[in-house]
Amino acid sequence: MPILRYLSVALASALVAVYAALWLTGPAPLERHTATIPPLLVDQGDGLVIFGGWHTVEGYDHGVTNGVQIICSRERQTCLEAYASLLYHDSGEDLEAQAFDYEVTTWDDQRLQAIDKDGMGECLDRILNVDLVGEGATLEWRPGEGDCEGDTGKAVLVGDPL
């Protein structure tokens, strides 16, 4: 019987050693990497250039990390927003890119307001408001004209420090 005792101790020791070796050499679990949002920048030169990311403060938040660049032309009275977002999943991430084309409705020394009619699908308008004095921006989305139903919300422009 002592041989069975020695064999069971040896087998248990071998199993613990194999488990420890597999645990130490095994692949690391999937980690969620944090993306850096562009630094907040509102540059007023010949036109207007804005960098940052949208942070949802009202409405549905998709839980994505995003970065935006908005370029406005005073001459054409238009703004173009390049929007990229990183969507997180259980087994990885996806990168999504979109562009929005705004028509400027107000542009004076204090603020800029522009709208992209039906910019978010079938009938949701995107309204861009830029505070030129405080150098900040907000984005609103809401149903446009007519029989339109949809999500409403608001986001503020944020940025990571340099």
C-alpha atoms as a PDB file:
ATOM      1  CA  MET A   1       0.000   0.000   0.000  1.00  0.00           C
ATOM      2  CA  PRO A   2       2.811   2.464   0.522  1.00  0.00           C
ATOM      3  CA  ILE A   3       3.469   2.324  -3.240  1.00  0.00           C
ATOM      4  CA  LEU A   4      -0.101   3.554  -3.967  1.00  0.00           C
ATOM      5  CA  ARG A   5       0.412   6.436  -1.572  1.00  0.00           C
ATOM      6  CA  TYR A   6       3.699   7.399  -3.297  1.00  0.00           C
ATOM      7  CA  LEU A   7       2.099   7.098  -6.737  1.00  0.00           C
ATOM      8  CA  SER A   8      -0.879   9.276  -5.762  1.00  0.00           C
ATOM      9  CA  VAL A   9       1.446  11.963  -4.301  1.00  0.00           C
ATOM     10  CA  ALA A  10       3.618  11.816  -7.433  1.00  0.00           C
ATOM     11  CA  LEU A  11       0.554  12.064  -9.699  1.00  0.00           C
ATOM     12  CA  ALA A  12      -0.869  15.009  -7.747  1.00  0.00           C
ATOM     13  CA  SER A  13       2.519  16.758  -7.824  1.00  0.00           C
ATOM     14  CA  ALA A  14       2.795  16.211 -11.586  1.00  0.00           C
ATOM     15  CA  LEU A  15      -0.707  17.612 -12.164  1.00  0.00           C
ATOM     16  CA  VAL A  16       0.072  20.709 -10.078  1.00  0.00           C
ATOM     17  CA  ALA A  17       3.348  21.210 -11.982  1.00  0.00           C
ATOM     18  CA  VAL A  18       1.606  20.888 -15.389  1.00  0.00           C
ATOM     19  CA  TYR A  19      -1.166  23.278 -14.338  1.00  0.00           C
ATOM     20  CA  ALA A  20       1.366  25.827 -13.055  1.00  0.00           C
ATOM     21  CA  ALA A  21       3.409  25.571 -16.276  1.00  0.00           C
ATOM     22  CA  LEU A  22       0.306  26.061 -18.445  1.00  0.00           C
ATOM     23  CA  TRP A  23      -0.863  28.980 -16.345  1.00  0.00           C
ATOM     24  CA  LEU A  24       2.529  30.725 -16.542  1.00  0.00           C
ATOM     25  CA  THR A  25       3.027  30.177 -20.278  1.00  0.00           C
ATOM     26  CA  GLY A  26      -0.602  30.530 -21.367  1.00  0.00           C
ATOM     27  CA  PRO A  27      -1.816  33.473 -23.468  1.00  0.00           C
ATOM     28  CA  ALA A  28      -2.934  36.594 -21.668  1.00  0.00           C
ATOM     29  CA  PRO A  29      -6.671  37.236 -21.621  1.00  0.00           C
ATOM     30  CA  LEU A  30      -8.046  39.795 -24.046  1.00  0.00           C
ATOM     31  CA  GLU A  31      -7.421  43.243 -22.687  1.00  0.00           C
ATOM     32  CA  ARG A  32      -9.404  46.303 -23.643  1.00  0.00           C
ATOM     33  CA  HIS A  33      -6.949  48.859 -24.922  1.00  0.00           C
ATOM     34  CA  THR A  34      -7.764  52.462 -24.309  1.00  0.00           C
ATOM     35  CA  ALA A  35      -7.658  54.736 -27.295  1.00  0.00           C
ATOM     36  CA  THR A  36      -6.469  58.297 -27.095  1.00  0.00           C
ATOM     37  CA  ILE A  37      -8.903  61.007 -28.109  1.00  0.00           C
ATOM     38  CA  PRO A  38      -7.290  63.843 -30.087  1.00  0.00           C
ATOM     39  CA  PRO A  39      -6.403  66.876 -27.956  1.00  0.00           C
ATOM     40  CA  LEU A  40      -9.140  69.499 -27.894  1.00  0.00           C
ATOM     41  CA  LEU A  41      -8.255  72.225 -30.369  1.00  0.00           C
ATOM     42  CA  VAL A  42     -10.301  75.033 -31.882  1.00  0.00           C
ATOM     43  CA  ASP A  43      -8.160  76.959 -34.372  1.00  0.00           C
ATOM     44  CA  GLN A  44      -9.569  80.079 -36.009  1.00  0.00           C
ATOM     45  CA  GLY A  45      -7.445  81.009 -38.993  1.00  0.00           C
ATOM     46  CA  ASP A  46      -8.821  81.605 -42.485  1.00  0.00           C
ATOM     47  CA  GLY A  47     -11.612  79.207 -41.586  1.00  0.00           C
ATOM     48  CA  LEU A  48     -12.130  77.012 -38.560  1.00  0.00           C
ATOM     49  CA  VAL A  49     -10.442  73.717 -37.615  1.00  0.00           C
ATOM     50  CA  ILE A  50     -11.594  71.647 -34.633  1.00  0.00           C
ATOM     51  CA  PHE A  51     -10.101  68.456 -33.164  1.00  0.00           C
ATOM     52  CA  GLY A  52     -11.423  66.355 -30.284  1.00  0.00           C
ATOM     53  CA  GLY A  53     -14.015  63.706 -29.570  1.00  0.00           C
ATOM     54  CA  TRP A  54     -17.739  63.677 -28.779  1.00  0.00           C
ATOM     55  CA  HIS A  55     -18.878  62.712 -25.276  1.00  0.00           C
ATOM     56  CA  THR A  56     -22.617  61.984 -25.080  1.00  0.00           C
ATOM     57  CA  VAL A  57     -24.377  63.858 -22.258  1.00  0.00           C
ATOM     58  CA  GLU A  58     -28.027  63.292 -23.300  1.00  0.00           C
ATOM     59  CA  GLY A  59     -29.657  60.449 -25.209  1.00  0.00           C
ATOM     60  CA  TYR A  60     -28.321  57.000 -26.000  1.00  0.00           C
ATOM     61  CA  ASP A  61     -24.579  56.533 -25.492  1.00  0.00           C
ATOM     62  CA  HIS A  62     -23.099  53.811 -27.708  1.00  0.00           C
ATOM     63  CA  GLY A  63     -20.101  53.470 -25.403  1.00  0.00           C
ATOM     64  CA  VAL A  64     -17.547  54.063 -28.134  1.00  0.00           C
ATOM     65  CA  THR A  65     -14.309  55.995 -28.226  1.00  0.00           C
ATOM     66  CA  ASN A  66     -14.307  58.507 -31.052  1.00  0.00           C
ATOM     67  CA  GLY A  67     -12.248  61.243 -32.604  1.00  0.00           C
ATOM     68  CA  VAL A  68     -13.380  64.071 -34.846  1.00  0.00           C
ATOM     69  CA  GLN A  69     -11.884  66.673 -37.097  1.00  0.00           C
ATOM     70  CA  ILE A  70     -14.156  69.471 -38.290  1.00  0.00           C
ATOM     71  CA  ILE A  71     -13.084  71.910 -40.996  1.00  0.00           C
ATOM     72  CA  CYS A  72     -15.283  74.925 -41.748  1.00  0.00           C
ATOM     73  CA  SER A  73     -14.983  77.263 -44.713  1.00  0.00           C
ATOM     74  CA  ARG A  74     -16.238  80.811 -44.238  1.00  0.00           C
ATOM     75  CA  GLU A  75     -16.218  81.377 -48.002  1.00  0.00           C
ATOM     76  CA  ARG A  76     -18.431  78.340 -48.796  1.00  0.00           C
ATOM     77  CA  GLN A  77     -20.394  78.527 -45.511  1.00  0.00           C
ATOM     78  CA  THR A  78     -19.919  74.787 -44.977  1.00  0.00           C
ATOM     79  CA  CYS A  79     -18.343  72.477 -42.407  1.00  0.00           C
ATOM     80  CA  LEU A  80     -17.098  68.947 -42.973  1.00  0.00           C
ATOM     81  CA  GLU A  81     -16.768  66.567 -40.022  1.00  0.00           C
ATOM     82  CA  ALA A  82     -14.593  63.461 -40.244  1.00  0.00           C
ATOM     83  CA  TYR A  83     -15.717  61.075 -37.483  1.00  0.00           C
ATOM     84  CA  ALA A  84     -13.967  57.844 -36.494  1.00  0.00           C
ATOM     85  CA  SER A  85     -15.086  55.563 -33.676  1.00  0.00           C
ATOM     86  CA  LEU A  86     -13.682  52.461 -32.042  1.00  0.00           C
ATOM     87  CA  LEU A  87     -16.418  49.924 -31.251  1.00  0.00           C
ATOM     88  CA  TYR A  88     -15.604  47.427 -28.487  1.00  0.00           C
ATOM     89  CA  HIS A  89     -16.822  43.820 -28.632  1.00  0.00           C
ATOM     90  CA  ASP A  90     -16.269  40.754 -26.459  1.00  0.00           C
ATOM     91  CA  SER A  91     -13.794  39.368 -28.982  1.00  0.00           C
ATOM     92  CA  GLY A  92     -12.142  42.469 -30.426  1.00  0.00           C
ATOM     93  CA  GLU A  93     -12.718  45.929 -31.801  1.00  0.00           C
ATOM     94  CA  ASP A  94     -13.982  47.519 -35.018  1.00  0.00           C
ATOM     95  CA  LEU A  95     -13.075  50.870 -36.483  1.00  0.00           C
ATOM     96  CA  GLU A  96     -15.884  52.858 -38.084  1.00  0.00           C
ATOM     97  CA  ALA A  97     -15.504  56.073 -40.087  1.00  0.00           C
ATOM     98  CA  GLN A  98     -18.158  58.542 -41.243  1.00  0.00           C
ATOM     99  CA  ALA A  99     -18.300  62.015 -42.734  1.00  0.00           C
ATOM    100  CA  PHE A 100     -20.939  64.681 -42.150  1.00  0.00           C
ATOM    101  CA  ASP A 101     -21.494  67.729 -44.352  1.00  0.00           C
ATOM    102  CA  TYR A 102     -22.980  70.776 -42.607  1.00  0.00           C
ATOM    103  CA  GLU A 103     -24.459  74.007 -43.955  1.00  0.00           C
ATOM    104  CA  VAL A 104     -23.570  77.013 -41.811  1.00  0.00           C
ATOM    105  CA  THR A 105     -26.632  78.917 -40.567  1.00  0.00           C
ATOM    106  CA  THR A 106     -24.834  81.394 -38.258  1.00  0.00           C
ATOM    107  CA  TRP A 107     -21.194  82.489 -38.157  1.00  0.00           C
ATOM    108  CA  ASP A 108     -20.227  85.617 -36.251  1.00  0.00           C
ATOM    109  CA  ASP A 109     -17.498  86.581 -33.765  1.00  0.00           C
ATOM    110  CA  GLN A 110     -19.225  84.695 -30.917  1.00  0.00           C
ATOM    111  CA  ARG A 111     -20.437  81.415 -32.401  1.00  0.00           C
ATOM    112  CA  LEU A 112     -20.894  79.137 -35.350  1.00  0.00           C
ATOM    113  CA  GLN A 113     -24.016  77.061 -35.906  1.00  0.00           C
ATOM    114  CA  ALA A 114     -24.366  74.538 -38.716  1.00  0.00           C
ATOM    115  CA  ILE A 115     -26.816  71.768 -39.614  1.00  0.00           C
ATOM    116  CA  ASP A 116     -26.586  68.496 -41.503  1.00  0.00           C
ATOM    117  CA  LYS A 117     -30.178  67.727 -42.489  1.00  0.00           C
ATOM    118  CA  ASP A 118     -30.913  63.996 -42.416  1.00  0.00           C
ATOM    119  CA  GLY A 119     -27.251  63.482 -41.498  1.00  0.00           C
ATOM    120  CA  MET A 120     -27.942  60.634 -39.091  1.00  0.00           C
ATOM    121  CA  GLY A 121     -30.037  58.252 -41.075  1.00  0.00           C
ATOM    122  CA  GLU A 122     -33.488  58.660 -42.529  1.00  0.00           C
ATOM    123  CA  CYS A 123     -34.589  61.873 -40.875  1.00  0.00           C
ATOM    124  CA  LEU A 124     -32.337  62.853 -37.964  1.00  0.00           C
ATOM    125  CA  ASP A 125     -30.601  66.228 -38.199  1.00  0.00           C
ATOM    126  CA  ARG A 126     -27.161  66.915 -36.699  1.00  0.00           C
ATOM    127  CA  ILE A 127     -26.757  70.435 -35.313  1.00  0.00           C
ATOM    128  CA  LEU A 128     -23.239  71.681 -34.615  1.00  0.00           C
ATOM    129  CA  ASN A 129     -22.792  74.607 -32.184  1.00  0.00           C
ATOM    130  CA  VAL A 130     -19.316  76.081 -31.707  1.00  0.00           C
ATOM    131  CA  ASP A 131     -18.534  78.652 -29.018  1.00  0.00           C
ATOM    132  CA  LEU A 132     -15.769  80.667 -30.676  1.00  0.00           C
ATOM    133  CA  VAL A 133     -15.035  82.702 -27.543  1.00  0.00           C
ATOM    134  CA  GLY A 134     -14.884  79.796 -25.068  1.00  0.00           C
ATOM    135  CA  GLU A 135     -13.452  77.457 -27.728  1.00  0.00           C
ATOM    136  CA  GLY A 136     -15.859  74.594 -27.141  1.00  0.00           C
ATOM    137  CA  ALA A 137     -18.526  72.808 -29.134  1.00  0.00           C
ATOM    138  CA  THR A 138     -21.718  70.809 -28.732  1.00  0.00           C
ATOM    139  CA  LEU A 139     -23.530  68.484 -31.073  1.00  0.00           C
ATOM    140  CA  GLU A 140     -27.268  67.825 -31.001  1.00  0.00           C
ATOM    141  CA  TRP A 141     -29.297  65.309 -32.965  1.00  0.00           C
ATOM    142  CA  ARG A 142     -33.046  65.328 -33.294  1.00  0.00           C
ATOM    143  CA  PRO A 143     -35.787  64.457 -35.753  1.00  0.00           C
ATOM    144  CA  GLY A 144     -36.059  66.811 -38.698  1.00  0.00           C
ATOM    145  CA  GLU A 145     -39.162  68.198 -40.343  1.00  0.00           C
ATOM    146  CA  GLY A 146     -42.256  66.181 -41.196  1.00  0.00           C
ATOM    147  CA  ASP A 147     -43.423  62.866 -39.765  1.00  0.00           C
ATOM    148  CA  CYS A 148     -40.128  61.848 -38.310  1.00  0.00           C
ATOM    149  CA  GLU A 149     -39.475  59.921 -35.136  1.00  0.00           C
ATOM    150  CA  GLY A 150     -36.085  59.174 -33.701  1.00  0.00           C
ATOM    151  CA  ASP A 151     -33.597  59.473 -30.911  1.00  0.00           C
ATOM    152  CA  THR A 152     -32.629  62.884 -29.607  1.00  0.00           C
ATOM    153  CA  GLY A 153     -29.415  63.641 -27.812  1.00  0.00           C
ATOM    154  CA  LYS A 154     -26.519  65.923 -27.140  1.00  0.00           C
ATOM    155  CA  ALA A 155     -22.744  65.572 -26.962  1.00  0.00           C
ATOM    156  CA  VAL A 156     -19.948  67.913 -25.894  1.00  0.00           C
ATOM    157  CA  LEU A 157     -16.524  68.176 -27.463  1.00  0.00           C
ATOM    158  CA  VAL A 158     -13.748  66.776 -25.254  1.00  0.00           C
ATOM    159  CA  GLY A 159     -10.077  65.993 -25.761  1.00  0.00           C
ATOM    160  CA  ASP A 160      -7.211  64.165 -24.113  1.00  0.00           C
ATOM    161  CA  PRO A 161      -4.292  66.261 -22.861  1.00  0.00           C
ATOM    162  CA  LEU A 162      -1.147  66.325 -24.962  1.00  0.00           C
END
